[in-house]
N, C-alpha and C. Protein backbone atom coordinates (compact mmCIF):
# COMPACT_ATOMS: atom_id res chain seq x y z
N MET A 1 57.23 -42.17 70.87
CA MET A 1 57.71 -41.42 69.73
C MET A 1 57.95 -42.40 68.59
N GLU A 2 57.42 -42.04 67.45
CA GLU A 2 57.60 -42.87 66.25
C GLU A 2 58.98 -42.61 65.66
N ASN A 3 59.71 -43.69 65.38
CA ASN A 3 61.03 -43.52 64.78
C ASN A 3 60.86 -43.26 63.29
N LYS A 4 61.49 -42.22 62.81
CA LYS A 4 61.47 -41.93 61.38
C LYS A 4 62.76 -41.24 61.02
N VAL A 5 63.01 -41.20 59.74
CA VAL A 5 64.20 -40.52 59.24
C VAL A 5 63.87 -39.03 59.12
N VAL A 6 64.76 -38.20 59.62
CA VAL A 6 64.59 -36.76 59.55
C VAL A 6 65.64 -36.20 58.60
N LEU A 7 65.19 -35.35 57.69
CA LEU A 7 66.12 -34.61 56.83
C LEU A 7 66.22 -33.21 57.42
N GLN A 8 67.44 -32.81 57.75
CA GLN A 8 67.66 -31.51 58.36
C GLN A 8 68.63 -30.74 57.47
N SER A 9 68.35 -29.47 57.26
CA SER A 9 69.21 -28.68 56.40
C SER A 9 70.64 -28.67 56.94
N TYR A 10 71.59 -28.70 56.03
CA TYR A 10 73.00 -28.68 56.42
C TYR A 10 73.31 -27.38 57.15
N LYS A 11 72.66 -26.30 56.73
CA LYS A 11 72.88 -25.00 57.38
C LYS A 11 72.49 -25.07 58.85
N LEU A 12 71.35 -25.67 59.16
CA LEU A 12 70.92 -25.81 60.54
C LEU A 12 71.84 -26.75 61.31
N THR A 13 72.31 -27.80 60.65
CA THR A 13 73.19 -28.78 61.30
C THR A 13 74.53 -28.17 61.68
N THR A 14 75.08 -27.31 60.85
CA THR A 14 76.43 -26.79 61.08
C THR A 14 76.46 -25.39 61.67
N ILE A 15 75.33 -24.82 61.96
CA ILE A 15 75.26 -23.45 62.46
C ILE A 15 75.95 -23.35 63.82
N ARG A 16 76.60 -22.23 64.06
CA ARG A 16 77.25 -22.01 65.36
C ARG A 16 76.17 -21.76 66.40
N ASP A 17 76.20 -22.52 67.48
CA ASP A 17 75.12 -22.41 68.44
C ASP A 17 75.61 -22.08 69.83
N ASN A 18 74.65 -21.79 70.67
CA ASN A 18 74.90 -21.39 72.04
C ASN A 18 73.74 -21.95 72.88
N TYR A 19 73.53 -23.25 72.83
CA TYR A 19 72.41 -23.81 73.56
C TYR A 19 72.68 -25.24 74.00
N GLY A 20 71.86 -25.71 74.91
CA GLY A 20 72.05 -27.02 75.50
C GLY A 20 71.15 -28.09 74.89
N ILE A 21 71.11 -29.22 75.56
CA ILE A 21 70.42 -30.40 75.04
C ILE A 21 68.92 -30.19 74.90
N TYR A 22 68.28 -29.43 75.79
CA TYR A 22 66.82 -29.26 75.70
C TYR A 22 66.44 -28.46 74.47
N ALA A 23 67.17 -27.40 74.20
CA ALA A 23 66.92 -26.63 72.97
C ALA A 23 67.20 -27.49 71.75
N GLN A 24 68.29 -28.27 71.81
CA GLN A 24 68.65 -29.13 70.69
C GLN A 24 67.56 -30.17 70.42
N ARG A 25 67.02 -30.76 71.49
CA ARG A 25 65.93 -31.73 71.30
C ARG A 25 64.69 -31.07 70.74
N LEU A 26 64.40 -29.84 71.16
CA LEU A 26 63.26 -29.12 70.58
C LEU A 26 63.49 -28.87 69.09
N ILE A 27 64.70 -28.51 68.72
CA ILE A 27 65.03 -28.28 67.31
C ILE A 27 64.83 -29.56 66.50
N VAL A 28 65.30 -30.68 67.02
CA VAL A 28 65.12 -31.96 66.34
C VAL A 28 63.63 -32.27 66.20
N ASN A 29 62.88 -32.02 67.26
CA ASN A 29 61.43 -32.26 67.24
C ASN A 29 60.76 -31.39 66.16
N ILE A 30 61.12 -30.12 66.10
CA ILE A 30 60.53 -29.22 65.11
C ILE A 30 60.95 -29.64 63.70
N ALA A 31 62.22 -30.00 63.52
CA ALA A 31 62.69 -30.46 62.21
C ALA A 31 61.88 -31.68 61.76
N SER A 32 61.58 -32.59 62.70
CA SER A 32 60.79 -33.78 62.33
C SER A 32 59.38 -33.39 61.94
N GLN A 33 58.82 -32.39 62.61
CA GLN A 33 57.46 -31.94 62.27
C GLN A 33 57.42 -31.19 60.94
N MET A 34 58.53 -30.64 60.52
CA MET A 34 58.58 -29.88 59.26
C MET A 34 58.84 -30.78 58.05
N GLN A 35 58.93 -32.08 58.23
CA GLN A 35 59.23 -32.97 57.12
C GLN A 35 58.18 -32.91 56.01
N TYR A 36 56.95 -32.57 56.35
CA TYR A 36 55.92 -32.48 55.31
C TYR A 36 56.28 -31.44 54.25
N ARG A 37 57.11 -30.45 54.61
CA ARG A 37 57.51 -29.41 53.66
C ARG A 37 58.42 -29.95 52.57
N LEU A 38 58.98 -31.14 52.81
CA LEU A 38 59.91 -31.71 51.84
C LEU A 38 59.23 -32.60 50.82
N GLU A 39 57.92 -32.79 50.96
CA GLU A 39 57.21 -33.62 49.99
C GLU A 39 57.34 -32.99 48.61
N GLY A 40 57.71 -33.79 47.64
CA GLY A 40 57.86 -33.30 46.28
C GLY A 40 59.22 -32.68 45.97
N VAL A 41 60.06 -32.52 47.00
CA VAL A 41 61.39 -31.97 46.78
C VAL A 41 62.30 -33.12 46.36
N LYS A 42 62.98 -32.96 45.24
CA LYS A 42 63.90 -33.97 44.75
C LYS A 42 65.29 -33.61 45.26
N MET A 43 65.80 -34.40 46.17
CA MET A 43 67.10 -34.09 46.77
C MET A 43 68.23 -34.15 45.75
N SER A 44 68.02 -34.83 44.63
CA SER A 44 69.05 -34.88 43.60
C SER A 44 69.02 -33.65 42.70
N ASP A 45 68.01 -32.79 42.87
CA ASP A 45 67.86 -31.60 42.05
C ASP A 45 67.90 -30.35 42.95
N PRO A 46 69.06 -29.71 43.12
CA PRO A 46 69.18 -28.57 44.02
C PRO A 46 68.21 -27.42 43.72
N SER A 47 67.72 -27.32 42.50
CA SER A 47 66.79 -26.22 42.18
C SER A 47 65.47 -26.36 42.94
N THR A 48 65.16 -27.55 43.46
CA THR A 48 63.91 -27.72 44.21
C THR A 48 64.10 -27.51 45.71
N TRP A 49 65.34 -27.23 46.16
CA TRP A 49 65.59 -27.08 47.59
C TRP A 49 65.11 -25.76 48.15
N SER A 50 64.90 -24.78 47.31
CA SER A 50 64.49 -23.47 47.80
C SER A 50 63.01 -23.52 48.16
N LEU A 51 62.72 -23.71 49.43
CA LEU A 51 61.34 -23.83 49.88
C LEU A 51 60.74 -22.45 50.09
N ALA A 52 59.44 -22.38 49.96
CA ALA A 52 58.74 -21.09 50.10
C ALA A 52 58.98 -20.50 51.49
N GLU A 53 59.16 -19.19 51.54
CA GLU A 53 59.37 -18.49 52.80
C GLU A 53 58.08 -18.37 53.57
N ARG A 54 58.18 -18.35 54.88
CA ARG A 54 57.03 -18.07 55.75
C ARG A 54 57.44 -16.89 56.61
N LYS A 55 56.59 -15.92 56.69
CA LYS A 55 56.90 -14.74 57.50
C LYS A 55 56.25 -14.81 58.88
N GLU A 56 55.12 -15.50 59.00
CA GLU A 56 54.43 -15.52 60.28
C GLU A 56 55.14 -16.42 61.28
N LYS A 57 54.79 -16.26 62.54
CA LYS A 57 55.36 -17.09 63.59
C LYS A 57 54.68 -18.45 63.54
N LEU A 58 55.43 -19.45 63.85
CA LEU A 58 54.90 -20.81 63.79
C LEU A 58 54.95 -21.46 65.15
N THR A 59 53.91 -22.22 65.46
CA THR A 59 53.80 -22.92 66.73
C THR A 59 53.84 -24.41 66.48
N PHE A 60 54.67 -25.11 67.26
CA PHE A 60 54.81 -26.55 67.14
C PHE A 60 54.48 -27.17 68.49
N LYS A 61 53.65 -28.19 68.47
CA LYS A 61 53.32 -28.93 69.70
C LYS A 61 54.36 -30.04 69.87
N PHE A 62 54.69 -30.35 71.11
CA PHE A 62 55.64 -31.41 71.39
C PHE A 62 55.26 -32.12 72.68
N ASN A 63 55.79 -33.32 72.84
CA ASN A 63 55.60 -34.11 74.05
C ASN A 63 56.78 -33.82 74.97
N MET A 64 56.49 -33.32 76.16
CA MET A 64 57.54 -32.93 77.10
C MET A 64 58.46 -34.10 77.45
N ASN A 65 57.94 -35.33 77.48
CA ASN A 65 58.79 -36.51 77.75
C ASN A 65 59.92 -36.60 76.75
N ASP A 66 59.66 -36.23 75.49
CA ASP A 66 60.69 -36.29 74.46
C ASP A 66 61.82 -35.29 74.71
N ILE A 67 61.52 -34.22 75.42
CA ILE A 67 62.49 -33.16 75.63
C ILE A 67 63.31 -33.38 76.90
N VAL A 68 62.63 -33.69 78.02
CA VAL A 68 63.34 -33.82 79.30
C VAL A 68 63.49 -35.25 79.78
N GLY A 69 62.85 -36.19 79.13
CA GLY A 69 62.93 -37.59 79.55
C GLY A 69 61.75 -37.97 80.44
N ASP A 70 61.36 -39.20 80.35
CA ASP A 70 60.19 -39.70 81.09
C ASP A 70 60.29 -39.48 82.60
N THR A 71 61.46 -39.69 83.16
CA THR A 71 61.59 -39.64 84.62
C THR A 71 61.57 -38.21 85.16
N ASN A 72 61.90 -37.23 84.35
CA ASN A 72 61.99 -35.85 84.84
C ASN A 72 60.73 -35.03 84.64
N VAL A 73 59.79 -35.50 83.85
CA VAL A 73 58.62 -34.70 83.51
C VAL A 73 57.72 -34.44 84.73
N THR A 74 57.79 -35.27 85.74
CA THR A 74 56.97 -35.06 86.93
C THR A 74 57.59 -34.03 87.88
N ASN A 75 58.85 -33.70 87.70
CA ASN A 75 59.52 -32.70 88.53
C ASN A 75 59.33 -31.34 87.87
N GLN A 76 58.34 -30.58 88.36
CA GLN A 76 57.98 -29.31 87.72
C GLN A 76 59.13 -28.32 87.67
N GLN A 77 59.92 -28.22 88.73
CA GLN A 77 61.02 -27.27 88.74
C GLN A 77 62.07 -27.66 87.70
N TYR A 78 62.31 -28.95 87.54
CA TYR A 78 63.27 -29.44 86.55
C TYR A 78 62.81 -29.04 85.15
N VAL A 79 61.53 -29.26 84.86
CA VAL A 79 60.99 -28.91 83.54
C VAL A 79 61.06 -27.40 83.31
N LYS A 80 60.71 -26.62 84.32
CA LYS A 80 60.76 -25.16 84.18
C LYS A 80 62.19 -24.70 83.89
N ASN A 81 63.16 -25.26 84.61
CA ASN A 81 64.56 -24.89 84.38
C ASN A 81 65.02 -25.30 82.98
N ALA A 82 64.57 -26.46 82.52
CA ALA A 82 64.92 -26.92 81.17
C ALA A 82 64.38 -25.94 80.13
N LEU A 83 63.14 -25.49 80.31
CA LEU A 83 62.53 -24.55 79.36
C LEU A 83 63.20 -23.18 79.43
N LYS A 84 63.58 -22.74 80.62
CA LYS A 84 64.29 -21.46 80.77
C LYS A 84 65.63 -21.52 80.03
N ASN A 85 66.32 -22.64 80.14
CA ASN A 85 67.58 -22.79 79.42
C ASN A 85 67.36 -22.80 77.91
N ALA A 86 66.32 -23.50 77.46
CA ALA A 86 66.05 -23.60 76.03
C ALA A 86 65.67 -22.25 75.43
N ILE A 87 64.90 -21.44 76.14
CA ILE A 87 64.42 -20.17 75.59
C ILE A 87 65.58 -19.19 75.37
N LYS A 88 66.69 -19.37 76.07
CA LYS A 88 67.86 -18.50 75.91
C LYS A 88 68.66 -18.82 74.64
N ALA A 89 68.31 -19.89 73.97
CA ALA A 89 69.08 -20.36 72.82
C ALA A 89 69.07 -19.33 71.69
N ASP A 90 70.27 -19.11 71.14
CA ASP A 90 70.38 -18.26 69.95
C ASP A 90 71.37 -18.90 68.99
N ILE A 91 71.36 -18.41 67.78
CA ILE A 91 72.27 -18.93 66.77
C ILE A 91 73.00 -17.77 66.10
N GLU A 92 74.19 -18.06 65.63
CA GLU A 92 74.97 -17.11 64.85
C GLU A 92 75.08 -17.67 63.44
N TYR A 93 74.92 -16.82 62.46
CA TYR A 93 74.99 -17.28 61.08
C TYR A 93 75.36 -16.13 60.15
N ASP A 94 75.76 -16.49 58.95
CA ASP A 94 76.06 -15.49 57.93
C ASP A 94 74.84 -15.34 57.03
N LYS A 95 74.57 -14.13 56.64
CA LYS A 95 73.48 -13.89 55.70
C LYS A 95 73.91 -12.85 54.69
N MET A 96 73.21 -12.79 53.59
CA MET A 96 73.51 -11.83 52.54
C MET A 96 72.61 -10.60 52.70
N THR A 97 73.19 -9.41 52.59
CA THR A 97 72.41 -8.18 52.66
C THR A 97 71.74 -7.93 51.31
N GLU A 98 70.89 -6.93 51.28
CA GLU A 98 70.23 -6.57 50.02
C GLU A 98 71.24 -6.14 48.96
N LYS A 99 72.38 -5.64 49.39
CA LYS A 99 73.43 -5.20 48.46
C LYS A 99 74.39 -6.32 48.11
N GLY A 100 74.07 -7.57 48.54
CA GLY A 100 74.89 -8.71 48.20
C GLY A 100 76.14 -8.89 49.03
N LYS A 101 76.20 -8.21 50.17
CA LYS A 101 77.35 -8.34 51.06
C LYS A 101 77.04 -9.36 52.16
N ARG A 102 78.09 -10.05 52.57
CA ARG A 102 77.94 -11.03 53.64
C ARG A 102 77.88 -10.29 54.98
N ALA A 103 76.93 -10.67 55.82
CA ALA A 103 76.76 -10.02 57.11
C ALA A 103 76.67 -11.06 58.22
N TYR A 104 77.13 -10.69 59.39
CA TYR A 104 77.01 -11.53 60.58
C TYR A 104 75.61 -11.29 61.14
N ALA A 105 74.95 -12.36 61.57
CA ALA A 105 73.62 -12.22 62.17
C ALA A 105 73.51 -13.14 63.38
N VAL A 106 72.69 -12.73 64.32
CA VAL A 106 72.38 -13.55 65.49
C VAL A 106 70.86 -13.49 65.67
N ALA A 107 70.27 -14.62 66.00
CA ALA A 107 68.82 -14.67 66.15
C ALA A 107 68.45 -15.62 67.28
N SER A 108 67.37 -15.29 67.97
CA SER A 108 66.82 -16.21 68.96
C SER A 108 66.13 -17.33 68.21
N ILE A 109 66.24 -18.54 68.73
CA ILE A 109 65.59 -19.67 68.08
C ILE A 109 64.11 -19.69 68.39
N PHE A 110 63.79 -19.54 69.66
CA PHE A 110 62.40 -19.65 70.09
C PHE A 110 61.87 -18.30 70.53
N GLU A 111 60.66 -18.01 70.13
CA GLU A 111 60.00 -16.81 70.62
C GLU A 111 59.34 -17.09 71.96
N GLU A 112 58.77 -18.27 72.07
CA GLU A 112 58.10 -18.65 73.32
C GLU A 112 58.06 -20.17 73.41
N ILE A 113 58.20 -20.67 74.62
CA ILE A 113 58.03 -22.10 74.88
C ILE A 113 57.08 -22.21 76.06
N SER A 114 56.05 -23.01 75.92
CA SER A 114 55.10 -23.16 77.01
C SER A 114 54.86 -24.64 77.33
N TRP A 115 54.38 -24.88 78.55
CA TRP A 115 54.12 -26.23 79.01
C TRP A 115 52.95 -26.19 79.98
N ILE A 116 52.06 -27.15 79.88
CA ILE A 116 50.95 -27.27 80.82
C ILE A 116 51.40 -28.21 81.93
N PRO A 117 51.61 -27.68 83.15
CA PRO A 117 52.09 -28.52 84.25
C PRO A 117 51.20 -29.76 84.47
N ASN A 118 51.84 -30.81 84.93
CA ASN A 118 51.19 -32.10 85.20
C ASN A 118 50.67 -32.78 83.93
N THR A 119 51.17 -32.36 82.78
CA THR A 119 50.85 -33.01 81.51
C THR A 119 52.14 -33.14 80.72
N ASN A 120 52.05 -33.75 79.57
CA ASN A 120 53.19 -33.85 78.66
C ASN A 120 53.08 -32.84 77.53
N GLU A 121 52.10 -31.94 77.59
CA GLU A 121 51.80 -31.03 76.49
C GLU A 121 52.66 -29.77 76.54
N GLY A 122 53.40 -29.54 75.45
CA GLY A 122 54.20 -28.34 75.32
C GLY A 122 54.05 -27.73 73.95
N GLU A 123 54.39 -26.45 73.83
CA GLU A 123 54.37 -25.74 72.55
C GLU A 123 55.62 -24.87 72.45
N ALA A 124 56.14 -24.78 71.25
CA ALA A 124 57.29 -23.90 70.99
C ALA A 124 56.95 -23.04 69.78
N LYS A 125 57.19 -21.75 69.89
CA LYS A 125 56.97 -20.83 68.77
C LYS A 125 58.32 -20.40 68.22
N ILE A 126 58.44 -20.47 66.89
CA ILE A 126 59.63 -19.95 66.23
C ILE A 126 59.20 -18.81 65.31
N THR A 127 60.16 -17.97 64.93
CA THR A 127 59.87 -16.83 64.06
C THR A 127 60.09 -17.21 62.59
N GLY A 128 59.73 -16.31 61.72
CA GLY A 128 59.96 -16.50 60.28
C GLY A 128 61.43 -16.67 59.96
N THR A 129 62.31 -15.98 60.67
CA THR A 129 63.75 -16.13 60.45
C THR A 129 64.18 -17.56 60.70
N MET A 130 63.71 -18.13 61.81
CA MET A 130 64.07 -19.52 62.12
C MET A 130 63.42 -20.48 61.12
N TRP A 131 62.20 -20.18 60.70
CA TRP A 131 61.55 -21.02 59.68
C TRP A 131 62.46 -21.10 58.45
N ASN A 132 62.97 -19.97 58.02
CA ASN A 132 63.81 -19.94 56.82
C ASN A 132 65.10 -20.73 57.02
N ILE A 133 65.66 -20.69 58.22
CA ILE A 133 66.88 -21.46 58.49
C ILE A 133 66.55 -22.96 58.50
N PHE A 134 65.43 -23.34 59.10
CA PHE A 134 65.01 -24.75 59.08
C PHE A 134 64.78 -25.23 57.65
N ALA A 135 64.30 -24.34 56.79
CA ALA A 135 63.91 -24.73 55.43
C ALA A 135 64.98 -24.46 54.38
N GLU A 136 66.19 -24.11 54.80
CA GLU A 136 67.27 -23.77 53.87
C GLU A 136 68.03 -25.04 53.47
N PHE A 137 67.74 -25.56 52.29
CA PHE A 137 68.37 -26.79 51.83
C PHE A 137 69.33 -26.56 50.67
N SER A 138 69.65 -25.31 50.36
CA SER A 138 70.50 -25.04 49.20
C SER A 138 71.94 -25.55 49.40
N LYS A 139 72.36 -25.73 50.64
CA LYS A 139 73.71 -26.24 50.93
C LYS A 139 73.70 -27.75 51.18
N GLY A 140 72.53 -28.38 51.05
CA GLY A 140 72.42 -29.81 51.28
C GLY A 140 71.67 -30.13 52.56
N PHE A 141 71.79 -31.38 52.99
CA PHE A 141 71.04 -31.83 54.16
C PHE A 141 71.77 -32.96 54.86
N ARG A 142 71.32 -33.26 56.05
CA ARG A 142 71.77 -34.43 56.80
C ARG A 142 70.54 -35.27 57.08
N LYS A 143 70.73 -36.59 57.06
CA LYS A 143 69.65 -37.53 57.30
C LYS A 143 70.00 -38.33 58.55
N TYR A 144 69.07 -38.39 59.51
CA TYR A 144 69.33 -39.16 60.73
C TYR A 144 68.02 -39.72 61.28
N GLU A 145 68.15 -40.67 62.21
CA GLU A 145 66.98 -41.29 62.81
C GLU A 145 66.53 -40.47 64.02
N LEU A 146 65.24 -40.15 64.06
CA LEU A 146 64.67 -39.33 65.12
C LEU A 146 64.86 -39.99 66.49
N GLU A 147 64.53 -41.26 66.60
CA GLU A 147 64.59 -41.94 67.89
C GLU A 147 66.02 -41.94 68.46
N CYS A 148 66.98 -42.22 67.62
CA CYS A 148 68.39 -42.22 68.05
C CYS A 148 68.80 -40.82 68.51
N ALA A 149 68.46 -39.81 67.73
CA ALA A 149 68.83 -38.43 68.06
C ALA A 149 68.25 -38.00 69.40
N MET A 150 66.99 -38.35 69.66
CA MET A 150 66.33 -37.91 70.89
C MET A 150 66.85 -38.64 72.13
N LYS A 151 67.50 -39.78 71.96
CA LYS A 151 68.03 -40.53 73.10
C LYS A 151 69.39 -40.03 73.56
N LEU A 152 70.08 -39.29 72.70
CA LEU A 152 71.42 -38.81 73.07
C LEU A 152 71.31 -37.80 74.21
N GLU A 153 72.25 -37.87 75.14
CA GLU A 153 72.11 -37.10 76.38
C GLU A 153 72.94 -35.83 76.45
N SER A 154 73.79 -35.59 75.47
CA SER A 154 74.53 -34.32 75.49
C SER A 154 74.37 -33.63 74.14
N THR A 155 74.43 -32.33 74.18
CA THR A 155 74.29 -31.56 72.95
C THR A 155 75.44 -31.86 71.98
N TYR A 156 76.64 -32.15 72.51
CA TYR A 156 77.77 -32.46 71.65
C TYR A 156 77.57 -33.79 70.94
N ALA A 157 77.07 -34.78 71.67
CA ALA A 157 76.80 -36.09 71.05
C ALA A 157 75.74 -35.95 69.97
N LEU A 158 74.70 -35.17 70.25
CA LEU A 158 73.62 -34.99 69.27
C LEU A 158 74.12 -34.24 68.04
N ARG A 159 74.87 -33.17 68.23
CA ARG A 159 75.39 -32.42 67.08
C ARG A 159 76.34 -33.26 66.25
N LEU A 160 77.21 -34.04 66.92
CA LEU A 160 78.14 -34.90 66.20
C LEU A 160 77.39 -35.97 65.42
N TYR A 161 76.34 -36.54 66.03
CA TYR A 161 75.51 -37.54 65.34
C TYR A 161 74.89 -36.91 64.09
N GLN A 162 74.35 -35.71 64.20
CA GLN A 162 73.74 -35.05 63.04
C GLN A 162 74.78 -34.78 61.96
N LEU A 163 75.96 -34.34 62.35
CA LEU A 163 77.01 -34.06 61.37
C LEU A 163 77.47 -35.31 60.63
N MET A 164 77.63 -36.39 61.35
CA MET A 164 78.21 -37.61 60.77
C MET A 164 77.20 -38.56 60.16
N SER A 165 75.94 -38.45 60.55
CA SER A 165 74.93 -39.39 60.08
C SER A 165 74.75 -39.33 58.57
N GLY A 166 74.81 -40.48 57.96
CA GLY A 166 74.58 -40.58 56.52
C GLY A 166 75.74 -40.14 55.65
N VAL A 167 76.85 -39.77 56.24
CA VAL A 167 78.01 -39.32 55.47
C VAL A 167 78.78 -40.54 54.97
N GLU A 168 78.98 -40.59 53.67
CA GLU A 168 79.68 -41.73 53.08
C GLU A 168 81.11 -41.41 52.67
N ILE A 169 81.42 -40.13 52.60
CA ILE A 169 82.78 -39.74 52.24
C ILE A 169 83.47 -39.18 53.48
N PRO A 170 84.78 -39.24 53.54
CA PRO A 170 85.48 -38.71 54.72
C PRO A 170 85.19 -37.22 54.92
N MET A 171 85.01 -36.83 56.18
CA MET A 171 84.79 -35.43 56.51
C MET A 171 86.07 -34.87 57.10
N ASP A 172 86.36 -33.63 56.81
CA ASP A 172 87.59 -33.02 57.28
C ASP A 172 87.24 -31.78 58.11
N TYR A 173 87.14 -31.96 59.43
CA TYR A 173 86.90 -30.86 60.35
C TYR A 173 88.08 -30.79 61.30
N GLY A 174 88.66 -29.63 61.45
CA GLY A 174 89.72 -29.44 62.43
C GLY A 174 89.13 -29.27 63.82
N ILE A 175 89.94 -29.47 64.85
CA ILE A 175 89.48 -29.34 66.23
C ILE A 175 88.92 -27.94 66.48
N GLU A 176 89.59 -26.91 66.01
CA GLU A 176 89.13 -25.53 66.24
C GLU A 176 87.78 -25.29 65.56
N GLU A 177 87.61 -25.83 64.36
CA GLU A 177 86.34 -25.68 63.65
C GLU A 177 85.20 -26.38 64.40
N LEU A 178 85.46 -27.58 64.92
CA LEU A 178 84.46 -28.30 65.71
C LEU A 178 84.14 -27.54 66.99
N LYS A 179 85.16 -26.99 67.65
CA LYS A 179 84.92 -26.21 68.87
C LYS A 179 84.02 -25.01 68.57
N LEU A 180 84.25 -24.36 67.45
CA LEU A 180 83.43 -23.21 67.06
C LEU A 180 82.00 -23.65 66.79
N MET A 181 81.80 -24.74 66.03
CA MET A 181 80.46 -25.22 65.73
C MET A 181 79.71 -25.63 66.99
N PHE A 182 80.43 -26.22 67.96
CA PHE A 182 79.78 -26.70 69.18
C PHE A 182 79.69 -25.61 70.26
N GLY A 183 80.25 -24.45 69.99
CA GLY A 183 80.18 -23.36 70.96
C GLY A 183 81.06 -23.59 72.18
N ILE A 184 82.15 -24.33 72.02
CA ILE A 184 83.05 -24.60 73.13
C ILE A 184 84.00 -23.42 73.27
N PRO A 185 84.06 -22.84 74.45
CA PRO A 185 84.92 -21.66 74.63
C PRO A 185 86.41 -21.99 74.46
N LYS A 186 87.14 -21.01 73.95
CA LYS A 186 88.59 -21.18 73.79
C LYS A 186 89.24 -21.13 75.17
N THR A 187 90.22 -22.01 75.36
CA THR A 187 90.89 -22.04 76.68
C THR A 187 92.27 -21.49 76.60
C-alpha cells in the first residue's frame, strides 16, 4: 500500500457509527480512492467544497490484505466473517428536508462487498447517499496518513486518529460526546 495523505470530510469523520474495524478500513480505503475528486478544490475557499452529486452506485476495488491483514487473508472463514460484519455497517446523521427542517437519517454504508477467495481481490459498492457523505466538505476536513490509519487495530483508535490528526488548536469533546461518536453503549 502506498502511503499518502488522505483528506476526509469532517462530516464522515464525526458521523455516529455502528461498525467495526473492517468497515472502518474499507471506508478509509474508499476515501483514499476518492481523492481524485478533490483536484482543483481550494481548501481555503469553502465555496469550492460542494462537490458534484453522484446518484449511481459506485464500486471500489480494494486489496483484502489491507482490510483483514496479511496473516488472515488465507483463512477464508475469517475473511467471510470480516465481510459479514462490515456489510452490517450503518451510519446515523442529520439531514435537511426539502422544507428546510432537520431530520434524523440512517443509511447502510455498503450495498455489497465481494471477495474472490484465494486472492486479495475485493470490491465494495456504495450508494449515492454514501457518495454524498464522502464528498461533503462544507463542514471542513481531516487530513491523515493512509498507511498509519490502516495499521491501527481498533475502530476506536482509528476514529480517534482521524479526529485528532492535523488538528493544531485544542479540541473540546466531552466523554459522553465521544461515546456517542464511537457508538459506545451507555452503561
